[in-house]
Amino acid sequence: MLEADEKLHKKAYVGDLLIFGGDFNEPDRKDNDDWRPWYAEANGDVGGALNYRDPIFRACKSGGGVQACLDDNWTIGGDKRIDMLFGQDGHGCRARTRRAHTITYAEAEAAAKELTGDTDPDLNYSEHRGIRAEFYY
């Protein structure tokens, strides 16, 4: 997390909005629901010094029942969030977000059918579910 933050704040990457994400290969929470150190450092909404916004966490926080909501937004294995998006504005503040959503497999299949006219749920290329969000600065 610290390496990503350091690179994003180099002059070559300076911008009004910084967004990064991917497969972090480690869940946001431990088995006891405490935040993992890397996630706690990144997410400004839980006091993280790097001050990024996780739009799924923000949506869950706004709706109440954070832990249950995060569980519903799993990205692999039916019980873990290891795929994340983070955003920050050019001043180091958490980017505003809305419409955060974890894409279900059924939604992905429906999109494939709409875009290509065909679908085959047996041809899933990934065990991961995708994330979408709008970011504002």
Protein backbone atom coordinates (compact mmCIF):
# COMPACT_ATOMS: atom_id res chain seq x y z
CA MET A 1 0.00 0.00 0.00
CA LEU A 2 2.80 2.37 0.90
CA GLU A 3 4.59 1.65 -2.40
CA ALA A 4 1.43 2.33 -4.43
CA ASP A 5 0.81 5.56 -2.52
CA GLU A 6 4.41 6.69 -3.02
CA LYS A 7 4.28 6.04 -6.78
CA LEU A 8 0.89 7.73 -7.19
CA HIS A 9 2.24 10.89 -5.60
CA LYS A 10 5.31 11.20 -7.86
CA LYS A 11 5.27 14.19 -10.21
CA ALA A 12 4.70 11.90 -13.21
CA TYR A 13 1.32 10.84 -11.80
CA VAL A 14 0.09 14.11 -10.35
CA GLY A 15 -3.55 14.77 -11.22
CA ASP A 16 -6.85 16.04 -9.92
CA LEU A 17 -8.02 12.49 -9.22
CA LEU A 18 -6.06 9.37 -8.28
CA ILE A 19 -7.76 5.99 -8.66
CA PHE A 20 -6.14 2.63 -8.20
CA GLY A 21 -7.32 -0.85 -7.53
CA GLY A 22 -6.96 -4.49 -8.30
CA ASP A 23 -6.62 -7.91 -6.78
CA PHE A 24 -4.79 -7.39 -3.49
CA ASN A 25 -4.68 -11.14 -2.73
CA GLU A 26 -5.47 -10.42 0.90
CA PRO A 27 -8.84 -9.63 2.46
CA ASP A 28 -9.68 -6.27 3.99
CA ARG A 29 -10.48 -7.94 7.34
CA LYS A 30 -9.05 -10.61 9.59
CA ASP A 31 -11.17 -13.57 10.73
CA ASN A 32 -12.23 -11.61 13.83
CA ASP A 33 -13.44 -8.72 11.58
CA ASP A 34 -10.59 -6.39 12.60
CA TRP A 35 -9.10 -4.47 9.68
CA ARG A 36 -5.91 -5.84 8.20
CA PRO A 37 -3.08 -3.32 8.67
CA TRP A 38 -2.68 -2.57 4.93
CA TYR A 39 -6.40 -1.79 4.60
CA ALA A 40 -6.58 0.24 7.80
CA GLU A 41 -3.64 2.34 6.54
CA ALA A 42 -5.31 2.98 3.16
CA ASN A 43 -8.94 3.67 4.09
CA GLY A 44 -9.35 7.20 5.40
CA ASP A 45 -12.92 6.41 6.48
CA VAL A 46 -11.52 4.10 9.18
CA GLY A 47 -8.78 6.57 10.14
CA GLY A 48 -6.11 5.40 7.67
CA ALA A 49 -3.24 7.84 7.28
CA LEU A 50 -3.10 7.43 3.48
CA ASN A 51 -6.65 8.81 3.30
CA TYR A 52 -8.07 6.98 0.28
CA ARG A 53 -11.76 6.24 -0.18
CA ASP A 54 -12.97 2.69 -0.69
CA PRO A 55 -16.33 3.27 -2.41
CA ILE A 56 -17.80 -0.08 -1.34
CA PHE A 57 -16.92 0.62 2.30
CA ARG A 58 -18.42 4.11 1.99
CA ALA A 59 -21.65 2.74 0.53
CA CYS A 60 -21.84 0.15 3.31
CA LYS A 61 -21.16 2.80 5.95
CA SER A 62 -23.93 5.01 4.55
CA GLY A 63 -26.43 2.17 4.63
CA GLY A 64 -25.66 0.88 8.14
CA GLY A 65 -24.64 -2.66 9.02
CA VAL A 66 -21.11 -2.25 7.68
CA GLN A 67 -19.79 -5.76 8.34
CA ALA A 68 -22.82 -7.54 6.86
CA CYS A 69 -22.78 -5.23 3.84
CA LEU A 70 -19.06 -5.86 3.25
CA ASP A 71 -19.74 -9.60 3.49
CA ASP A 72 -22.45 -9.20 0.82
CA ASN A 73 -19.89 -7.45 -1.39
CA TRP A 74 -17.44 -10.36 -1.47
CA THR A 75 -15.25 -10.55 -4.56
CA ILE A 76 -13.89 -14.11 -4.30
CA GLY A 77 -14.87 -17.38 -2.70
CA GLY A 78 -18.25 -16.14 -1.55
CA ASP A 79 -16.85 -14.64 1.65
CA LYS A 80 -13.80 -12.40 1.04
CA ARG A 81 -13.18 -8.94 -0.39
CA ILE A 82 -9.73 -9.05 -1.94
CA ASP A 83 -10.46 -6.87 -4.98
CA MET A 84 -10.60 -3.16 -4.20
CA LEU A 85 -10.87 0.31 -5.67
CA PHE A 86 -9.46 3.37 -3.94
CA GLY A 87 -9.72 7.06 -4.81
CA GLN A 88 -8.23 10.33 -3.65
CA ASP A 89 -8.40 13.84 -5.03
CA GLY A 90 -5.31 15.83 -6.02
CA HIS A 91 -5.19 17.51 -2.60
CA GLY A 92 -4.92 14.23 -0.66
CA CYS A 93 -8.57 14.15 0.39
CA ARG A 94 -10.82 11.15 -0.05
CA ALA A 95 -12.56 11.34 -3.40
CA ARG A 96 -16.35 11.54 -3.32
CA THR A 97 -18.01 8.42 -4.65
CA ARG A 98 -21.45 7.13 -5.51
CA ARG A 99 -23.10 4.16 -7.22
CA ALA A 100 -20.56 1.72 -5.78
CA HIS A 101 -21.55 -1.84 -6.57
CA THR A 102 -20.02 -5.31 -6.67
CA ILE A 103 -21.04 -6.95 -9.95
CA THR A 104 -22.75 -10.32 -9.49
CA TYR A 105 -22.08 -13.22 -11.83
CA ALA A 106 -25.70 -13.00 -13.06
CA GLU A 107 -25.19 -9.31 -13.93
CA ALA A 108 -22.00 -10.16 -15.80
CA GLU A 109 -23.79 -12.88 -17.78
CA ALA A 110 -26.65 -10.50 -18.61
CA ALA A 111 -24.16 -7.90 -19.85
CA ALA A 112 -22.39 -10.49 -22.00
CA LYS A 113 -25.71 -11.49 -23.56
CA GLU A 114 -26.66 -7.85 -24.18
CA LEU A 115 -23.31 -6.92 -25.71
CA THR A 116 -22.54 -10.08 -27.69
CA GLY A 117 -25.92 -11.75 -28.09
CA ASP A 118 -24.62 -14.88 -26.41
CA THR A 119 -23.67 -16.15 -23.00
CA ASP A 120 -22.29 -19.30 -21.45
CA PRO A 121 -22.07 -19.32 -17.64
CA ASP A 122 -19.76 -22.36 -17.83
CA LEU A 123 -17.09 -20.19 -19.47
CA ASN A 124 -16.41 -17.97 -16.45
CA TYR A 125 -12.88 -16.68 -16.86
CA SER A 126 -12.45 -15.66 -13.24
CA GLU A 127 -13.57 -16.51 -9.75
CA HIS A 128 -13.54 -12.78 -8.94
CA ARG A 129 -16.46 -10.39 -9.01
CA GLY A 130 -15.81 -6.91 -10.37
CA ILE A 131 -16.43 -3.57 -8.68
CA ARG A 132 -17.78 -0.37 -10.16
CA ALA A 133 -18.07 3.13 -8.73
CA GLU A 134 -18.26 6.74 -9.80
CA PHE A 135 -15.52 8.99 -8.43
CA TYR A 136 -15.73 12.78 -8.15
CA TYR A 137 -13.22 15.44 -7.20
